Amino acid sequence: MAKSVNQKRLTQIKASTWAAFQGTFAAVLGLGVAILHSIDSIARVADSTDSVLQGMAFGLATGIVSIVVLPLVYFAIGWVVGYVQAWAFNVILGAAGGISVELTDE
């Protein structure tokens, strides 16, 4: 079967969809940062106390809070940045007449 090639023109993107994508990507980055912060926090607190178990418990408590809070903060910031990017992208696409995209059916 022959593949057909379709020319399409992208003239606008949905801002909320792009914002959700950017926010999710930022949240994944935030989770990585939070995990590294959690490991660092456990090591610092465990090193500063006499009991390793007590230090790990206090370090883990702050680490768990960061694992929950940081991805949410990163998502919120990423969502706002993504929404602004999509708005600017739509303004530029409107002025330029869009982007030509080639799609191939399989």
Protein backbone atom coordinates (compact mmCIF):
# COMPACT_ATOMS: atom_id res chain seq x y z
CA MET A 1 0.00 0.00 0.00
CA ALA A 2 1.38 3.41 -0.92
CA LYS A 3 1.88 6.01 1.75
CA SER A 4 0.10 9.29 1.16
CA VAL A 5 1.62 12.61 2.12
CA ASN A 6 -0.65 15.38 3.39
CA GLN A 7 0.36 19.01 3.68
CA LYS A 8 -1.27 20.75 6.66
CA ARG A 9 -0.86 24.23 8.05
CA LEU A 10 -0.57 24.77 11.80
CA THR A 11 -2.14 28.13 12.60
CA GLN A 12 -2.84 27.88 16.33
CA ILE A 13 -2.17 25.66 19.33
CA LYS A 14 -4.42 25.25 22.36
CA ALA A 15 -2.71 27.22 25.13
CA SER A 16 -4.02 25.09 28.00
CA THR A 17 -2.75 21.89 26.37
CA TRP A 18 0.73 23.34 25.85
CA ALA A 19 0.68 24.68 29.42
CA ALA A 20 -0.23 21.23 30.78
CA PHE A 21 2.62 19.67 28.78
CA GLN A 22 5.13 22.25 30.05
CA GLY A 23 3.84 21.90 33.61
CA THR A 24 4.11 18.11 33.55
CA PHE A 25 7.64 18.28 32.13
CA ALA A 26 8.62 20.77 34.85
CA ALA A 27 7.02 18.57 37.54
CA VAL A 28 9.15 15.61 36.42
CA LEU A 29 12.24 17.83 36.69
CA GLY A 30 11.02 19.01 40.09
CA LEU A 31 10.67 15.42 41.27
CA GLY A 32 14.28 14.76 40.31
CA VAL A 33 15.41 17.85 42.20
CA ALA A 34 13.29 16.83 45.20
CA ILE A 35 14.80 13.34 45.29
CA LEU A 36 18.32 14.80 45.23
CA HIS A 37 17.35 17.29 47.95
CA SER A 38 15.85 14.48 50.03
CA ILE A 39 19.04 12.41 49.83
CA ASP A 40 21.13 15.46 50.73
CA SER A 41 18.81 16.32 53.63
CA ILE A 42 18.98 12.78 55.04
CA ALA A 43 22.78 12.77 54.82
CA ARG A 44 23.16 16.21 56.46
CA VAL A 45 20.76 15.54 59.34
CA ALA A 46 22.09 12.02 59.94
CA ASP A 47 25.61 13.41 60.06
CA SER A 48 24.69 16.16 62.53
CA THR A 49 23.03 13.89 65.14
CA ASP A 50 24.44 11.28 67.49
CA SER A 51 21.92 8.63 66.43
CA VAL A 52 21.95 7.69 62.77
CA LEU A 53 18.37 6.38 62.99
CA GLN A 54 17.10 9.60 64.56
CA GLY A 55 18.96 11.66 61.98
CA MET A 56 17.54 9.60 59.13
CA ALA A 57 14.00 10.00 60.50
CA PHE A 58 14.27 13.80 60.72
CA GLY A 59 16.05 14.01 57.39
CA LEU A 60 13.46 11.79 55.73
CA ALA A 61 10.62 13.95 57.08
CA THR A 62 11.95 17.07 55.34
CA GLY A 63 12.77 15.01 52.26
CA ILE A 64 9.24 13.65 51.97
CA VAL A 65 7.80 17.15 52.25
CA SER A 66 10.11 18.31 49.46
CA ILE A 67 9.13 15.31 47.29
CA VAL A 68 5.48 16.37 47.55
CA VAL A 69 5.84 20.16 47.44
CA LEU A 70 8.61 20.75 44.86
CA PRO A 71 6.93 18.95 41.94
CA LEU A 72 3.73 20.91 42.61
CA VAL A 73 5.61 24.21 42.64
CA TYR A 74 7.55 23.25 39.52
CA PHE A 75 4.28 22.24 37.80
CA ALA A 76 2.64 25.58 38.64
CA ILE A 77 5.59 27.59 37.37
CA GLY A 78 5.89 25.40 34.25
CA TRP A 79 2.18 25.75 33.55
CA VAL A 80 2.34 29.54 33.70
CA VAL A 81 5.45 29.65 31.51
CA GLY A 82 3.85 27.22 29.03
CA TYR A 83 0.67 29.31 28.85
CA VAL A 84 2.67 32.45 28.10
CA GLN A 85 4.72 30.57 25.50
CA ALA A 86 1.58 29.27 23.77
CA TRP A 87 0.04 32.73 23.74
CA ALA A 88 3.18 34.21 22.18
CA PHE A 89 3.38 31.30 19.74
CA ASN A 90 -0.22 31.89 18.64
CA VAL A 91 0.43 35.61 18.13
CA ILE A 92 3.48 34.85 15.97
CA LEU A 93 1.65 32.09 14.05
CA GLY A 94 -1.21 34.48 13.33
CA ALA A 95 1.15 37.13 12.01
CA ALA A 96 3.24 34.67 9.97
CA GLY A 97 0.31 32.74 8.52
CA GLY A 98 1.16 29.47 10.23
CA ILE A 99 3.67 26.67 9.80
CA SER A 100 3.46 24.13 7.01
CA VAL A 101 3.57 20.55 8.33
CA GLU A 102 3.91 17.39 6.26
CA LEU A 103 1.98 14.36 7.56
CA THR A 104 2.38 10.83 6.21
CA ASP A 105 -0.36 8.21 6.50
CA GLU A 106 0.84 4.71 7.30
